[in-house]
Amino acid sequence: MTLNEAFCKTIELLEVYYNNHKQDDAVVSILSDLDCTVFQDGKPVDQATYDDWEKVIIPFINKGEISDNDVKEALIKFLVYYQQEFGYELEVVIDYFINT
């Protein structure tokens, strides 16, 4: 898949998690920052959060494509980064993605 498709897949994975675990405020915050439906230009609400996600996923690109499995692995790395760098409480979320 392309970078844009990988971004959409990341959002989809987080939304599925949130829909099954609505008590998770950290996931709501990340989803809000990455929301591309707020502005007419289609860019995420918080460009810095998108830039962080992009930095994590770039190493997974192989010949311009990213596999489904690599999107999940990149999402885990992204969540670990946000937990370590910004103190988000994401241990349960990270464990969920590691074990599914």
N, C-alpha and C. Protein backbone atom coordinates (compact mmCIF):
# COMPACT_ATOMS: atom_id res chain seq x y z
N MET A 1 0.84 -1.18 0.00
CA MET A 1 0.00 0.00 0.00
C MET A 1 0.89 1.24 0.00
N THR A 2 0.32 2.34 -0.38
CA THR A 2 1.05 3.61 -0.42
C THR A 2 1.11 4.23 0.98
N LEU A 3 1.88 5.30 1.11
CA LEU A 3 1.98 6.01 2.38
C LEU A 3 0.60 6.51 2.82
N ASN A 4 -0.15 7.08 1.90
CA ASN A 4 -1.49 7.57 2.22
C ASN A 4 -2.41 6.43 2.66
N GLU A 5 -2.34 5.31 1.96
CA GLU A 5 -3.15 4.15 2.34
C GLU A 5 -2.73 3.63 3.72
N ALA A 6 -1.43 3.66 3.99
CA ALA A 6 -0.93 3.22 5.31
C ALA A 6 -1.44 4.15 6.40
N PHE A 7 -1.50 5.45 6.12
CA PHE A 7 -2.03 6.40 7.08
C PHE A 7 -3.50 6.09 7.37
N CYS A 8 -4.27 5.86 6.32
CA CYS A 8 -5.68 5.52 6.49
C CYS A 8 -5.84 4.22 7.27
N LYS A 9 -4.99 3.25 7.01
CA LYS A 9 -5.02 1.97 7.72
C LYS A 9 -4.69 2.18 9.21
N THR A 10 -3.73 3.06 9.49
CA THR A 10 -3.38 3.37 10.88
C THR A 10 -4.60 3.94 11.61
N ILE A 11 -5.27 4.88 10.98
CA ILE A 11 -6.48 5.48 11.57
C ILE A 11 -7.53 4.40 11.79
N GLU A 12 -7.71 3.54 10.81
CA GLU A 12 -8.70 2.47 10.91
C GLU A 12 -8.39 1.54 12.09
N LEU A 13 -7.13 1.14 12.24
CA LEU A 13 -6.75 0.27 13.35
C LEU A 13 -7.03 0.94 14.70
N LEU A 14 -6.68 2.21 14.81
CA LEU A 14 -6.93 2.95 16.06
C LEU A 14 -8.42 3.11 16.32
N GLU A 15 -9.20 3.36 15.27
CA GLU A 15 -10.65 3.50 15.44
C GLU A 15 -11.29 2.20 15.88
N VAL A 16 -10.87 1.09 15.30
CA VAL A 16 -11.40 -0.21 15.71
C VAL A 16 -11.08 -0.46 17.18
N TYR A 17 -9.84 -0.17 17.56
CA TYR A 17 -9.48 -0.32 18.97
C TYR A 17 -10.38 0.55 19.84
N TYR A 18 -10.49 1.82 19.48
CA TYR A 18 -11.29 2.74 20.29
C TYR A 18 -12.76 2.30 20.38
N ASN A 19 -13.32 1.86 19.27
CA ASN A 19 -14.72 1.43 19.28
C ASN A 19 -14.97 0.26 20.22
N ASN A 20 -13.93 -0.53 20.48
CA ASN A 20 -14.06 -1.66 21.40
C ASN A 20 -13.59 -1.35 22.81
N HIS A 21 -12.92 -0.19 23.00
CA HIS A 21 -12.35 0.18 24.31
C HIS A 21 -12.55 1.68 24.54
N LYS A 22 -13.76 2.13 24.57
CA LYS A 22 -14.07 3.56 24.58
C LYS A 22 -13.49 4.34 25.75
N GLN A 23 -13.02 3.69 26.76
CA GLN A 23 -12.50 4.40 27.92
C GLN A 23 -11.10 4.94 27.69
N ASP A 24 -10.51 4.75 26.56
CA ASP A 24 -9.10 5.11 26.35
C ASP A 24 -8.94 6.53 25.83
N ASP A 25 -8.67 7.48 26.75
CA ASP A 25 -8.53 8.89 26.39
C ASP A 25 -7.29 9.15 25.54
N ALA A 26 -6.23 8.39 25.74
CA ALA A 26 -5.01 8.59 24.96
C ALA A 26 -5.26 8.32 23.48
N VAL A 27 -6.01 7.28 23.18
CA VAL A 27 -6.32 6.96 21.79
C VAL A 27 -7.21 8.05 21.19
N VAL A 28 -8.15 8.56 21.95
CA VAL A 28 -9.00 9.66 21.48
C VAL A 28 -8.13 10.86 21.11
N SER A 29 -7.17 11.17 21.95
CA SER A 29 -6.29 12.31 21.70
C SER A 29 -5.50 12.12 20.39
N ILE A 30 -4.94 10.94 20.22
CA ILE A 30 -4.16 10.66 19.00
C ILE A 30 -5.07 10.71 17.77
N LEU A 31 -6.23 10.08 17.85
CA LEU A 31 -7.17 10.11 16.72
C LEU A 31 -7.59 11.54 16.39
N SER A 32 -7.81 12.34 17.40
CA SER A 32 -8.18 13.74 17.18
C SER A 32 -7.06 14.50 16.47
N ASP A 33 -5.83 14.26 16.89
CA ASP A 33 -4.69 14.93 16.26
C ASP A 33 -4.50 14.51 14.81
N LEU A 34 -4.82 13.26 14.49
CA LEU A 34 -4.61 12.75 13.14
C LEU A 34 -5.82 12.91 12.23
N ASP A 35 -6.92 13.43 12.76
CA ASP A 35 -8.16 13.58 11.99
C ASP A 35 -7.94 14.45 10.76
N CYS A 36 -8.30 13.90 9.61
CA CYS A 36 -8.12 14.61 8.33
C CYS A 36 -9.44 15.14 7.77
N THR A 37 -10.49 15.07 8.56
CA THR A 37 -11.81 15.50 8.07
C THR A 37 -12.21 16.88 8.55
N VAL A 38 -11.41 17.50 9.39
CA VAL A 38 -11.78 18.78 9.98
C VAL A 38 -11.56 19.93 9.01
N PHE A 39 -10.42 19.93 8.35
CA PHE A 39 -10.07 21.04 7.46
C PHE A 39 -10.31 20.67 6.00
N GLN A 40 -10.62 21.67 5.21
CA GLN A 40 -10.92 21.44 3.80
C GLN A 40 -9.74 20.90 3.01
N ASP A 41 -8.54 21.20 3.45
CA ASP A 41 -7.37 20.73 2.70
C ASP A 41 -7.06 19.26 2.94
N GLY A 42 -7.79 18.61 3.87
CA GLY A 42 -7.61 17.19 4.12
C GLY A 42 -6.38 16.84 4.93
N LYS A 43 -5.72 17.85 5.48
CA LYS A 43 -4.53 17.60 6.30
C LYS A 43 -4.95 17.32 7.74
N PRO A 44 -4.11 16.57 8.46
CA PRO A 44 -4.42 16.27 9.86
C PRO A 44 -4.52 17.54 10.71
N VAL A 45 -5.30 17.46 11.76
CA VAL A 45 -5.47 18.58 12.69
C VAL A 45 -4.12 19.01 13.25
N ASP A 46 -3.30 18.05 13.64
CA ASP A 46 -2.00 18.36 14.21
C ASP A 46 -0.91 17.79 13.30
N GLN A 47 -0.33 18.66 12.50
CA GLN A 47 0.69 18.23 11.54
C GLN A 47 1.89 17.59 12.23
N ALA A 48 2.22 18.04 13.44
CA ALA A 48 3.37 17.48 14.16
C ALA A 48 3.12 16.01 14.51
N THR A 49 1.90 15.66 14.88
CA THR A 49 1.59 14.26 15.17
C THR A 49 1.71 13.43 13.91
N TYR A 50 1.22 13.96 12.79
CA TYR A 50 1.37 13.25 11.51
C TYR A 50 2.85 13.09 11.16
N ASP A 51 3.63 14.15 11.36
CA ASP A 51 5.06 14.08 11.07
C ASP A 51 5.74 13.00 11.91
N ASP A 52 5.35 12.89 13.18
CA ASP A 52 5.88 11.84 14.05
C ASP A 52 5.52 10.46 13.50
N TRP A 53 4.28 10.29 13.09
CA TRP A 53 3.84 9.01 12.51
C TRP A 53 4.65 8.71 11.25
N GLU A 54 4.81 9.71 10.40
CA GLU A 54 5.53 9.52 9.14
C GLU A 54 6.99 9.11 9.39
N LYS A 55 7.64 9.72 10.37
CA LYS A 55 9.03 9.36 10.70
C LYS A 55 9.14 7.90 11.12
N VAL A 56 8.13 7.42 11.82
CA VAL A 56 8.14 6.04 12.28
C VAL A 56 7.90 5.06 11.14
N ILE A 57 7.04 5.43 10.20
CA ILE A 57 6.66 4.47 9.15
C ILE A 57 7.63 4.47 7.96
N ILE A 58 8.34 5.55 7.73
CA ILE A 58 9.24 5.64 6.57
C ILE A 58 10.20 4.45 6.48
N PRO A 59 10.82 4.01 7.58
CA PRO A 59 11.73 2.86 7.46
C PRO A 59 11.06 1.56 6.99
N PHE A 60 9.74 1.49 7.08
CA PHE A 60 9.02 0.29 6.67
C PHE A 60 8.70 0.28 5.17
N ILE A 61 8.96 1.38 4.50
CA ILE A 61 8.66 1.47 3.07
C ILE A 61 9.70 0.66 2.30
N ASN A 62 9.22 -0.22 1.43
CA ASN A 62 10.07 -1.04 0.60
C ASN A 62 9.59 -0.90 -0.85
N LYS A 63 10.42 -0.29 -1.68
CA LYS A 63 10.08 -0.07 -3.10
C LYS A 63 8.77 0.71 -3.23
N GLY A 64 8.60 1.70 -2.36
CA GLY A 64 7.43 2.57 -2.44
C GLY A 64 6.16 2.01 -1.84
N GLU A 65 6.24 0.83 -1.26
CA GLU A 65 5.05 0.18 -0.71
C GLU A 65 5.27 -0.20 0.75
N ILE A 66 4.16 -0.38 1.46
CA ILE A 66 4.18 -0.79 2.86
C ILE A 66 3.17 -1.93 3.00
N SER A 67 3.57 -3.01 3.66
CA SER A 67 2.65 -4.13 3.84
C SER A 67 1.71 -3.86 5.01
N ASP A 68 0.60 -4.58 5.02
CA ASP A 68 -0.36 -4.48 6.14
C ASP A 68 0.32 -4.76 7.47
N ASN A 69 1.13 -5.79 7.50
CA ASN A 69 1.81 -6.17 8.74
C ASN A 69 2.77 -5.07 9.18
N ASP A 70 3.44 -4.44 8.23
CA ASP A 70 4.36 -3.35 8.57
C ASP A 70 3.62 -2.13 9.10
N VAL A 71 2.41 -1.90 8.63
CA VAL A 71 1.61 -0.78 9.16
C VAL A 71 1.34 -1.02 10.64
N LYS A 72 0.98 -2.24 10.98
CA LYS A 72 0.72 -2.57 12.38
C LYS A 72 1.99 -2.44 13.21
N GLU A 73 3.10 -2.90 12.71
CA GLU A 73 4.38 -2.78 13.42
C GLU A 73 4.76 -1.31 13.60
N ALA A 74 4.55 -0.51 12.57
CA ALA A 74 4.86 0.92 12.66
C ALA A 74 3.93 1.59 13.67
N LEU A 75 2.67 1.19 13.70
CA LEU A 75 1.73 1.75 14.67
C LEU A 75 2.21 1.45 16.10
N ILE A 76 2.66 0.24 16.33
CA ILE A 76 3.18 -0.11 17.65
C ILE A 76 4.37 0.78 18.00
N LYS A 77 5.29 0.96 17.07
CA LYS A 77 6.45 1.82 17.32
C LYS A 77 6.02 3.26 17.59
N PHE A 78 5.03 3.73 16.84
CA PHE A 78 4.49 5.08 17.02
C PHE A 78 3.91 5.23 18.43
N LEU A 79 3.13 4.25 18.86
CA LEU A 79 2.52 4.31 20.18
C LEU A 79 3.58 4.25 21.29
N VAL A 80 4.58 3.41 21.10
CA VAL A 80 5.68 3.33 22.07
C VAL A 80 6.39 4.68 22.15
N TYR A 81 6.63 5.29 21.00
CA TYR A 81 7.27 6.61 20.96
C TYR A 81 6.44 7.63 21.74
N TYR A 82 5.14 7.66 21.52
CA TYR A 82 4.28 8.62 22.21
C TYR A 82 4.21 8.34 23.71
N GLN A 83 4.29 7.09 24.07
CA GLN A 83 4.31 6.75 25.49
C GLN A 83 5.61 7.24 26.12
N GLN A 84 6.72 6.99 25.48
CA GLN A 84 8.02 7.35 26.04
C GLN A 84 8.29 8.85 25.96
N GLU A 85 7.97 9.45 24.85
CA GLU A 85 8.31 10.85 24.61
C GLU A 85 7.36 11.83 25.31
N PHE A 86 6.07 11.49 25.31
CA PHE A 86 5.07 12.45 25.79
C PHE A 86 4.28 11.97 27.01
N GLY A 87 4.56 10.77 27.48
CA GLY A 87 3.91 10.27 28.68
C GLY A 87 2.49 9.77 28.49
N TYR A 88 2.08 9.52 27.26
CA TYR A 88 0.75 8.95 27.03
C TYR A 88 0.68 7.58 27.71
N GLU A 89 -0.45 7.28 28.32
CA GLU A 89 -0.66 5.97 28.94
C GLU A 89 -1.18 5.01 27.88
N LEU A 90 -0.26 4.28 27.26
CA LEU A 90 -0.60 3.45 26.11
C LEU A 90 -0.21 1.98 26.27
N GLU A 91 0.18 1.58 27.47
CA GLU A 91 0.63 0.20 27.65
C GLU A 91 -0.42 -0.82 27.23
N VAL A 92 -1.67 -0.60 27.62
CA VAL A 92 -2.74 -1.53 27.28
C VAL A 92 -2.97 -1.56 25.77
N VAL A 93 -2.92 -0.40 25.15
CA VAL A 93 -3.12 -0.30 23.70
C VAL A 93 -1.99 -1.01 22.96
N ILE A 94 -0.77 -0.76 23.38
CA ILE A 94 0.39 -1.40 22.76
C ILE A 94 0.29 -2.91 22.90
N ASP A 95 -0.04 -3.39 24.09
CA ASP A 95 -0.20 -4.83 24.31
C ASP A 95 -1.28 -5.40 23.41
N TYR A 96 -2.37 -4.68 23.24
CA TYR A 96 -3.45 -5.12 22.36
C TYR A 96 -2.92 -5.34 20.95
N PHE A 97 -2.20 -4.36 20.41
CA PHE A 97 -1.72 -4.49 19.04
C PHE A 97 -0.62 -5.53 18.90
N ILE A 98 0.17 -5.72 19.92
CA ILE A 98 1.20 -6.76 19.88
C ILE A 98 0.56 -8.15 19.86
N ASN A 99 -0.53 -8.29 20.58
CA ASN A 99 -1.16 -9.61 20.75
C ASN A 99 -2.31 -9.91 19.80
N THR A 100 -2.60 -9.01 18.88
CA THR A 100 -3.68 -9.29 17.92
C THR A 100 -3.14 -9.46 16.52
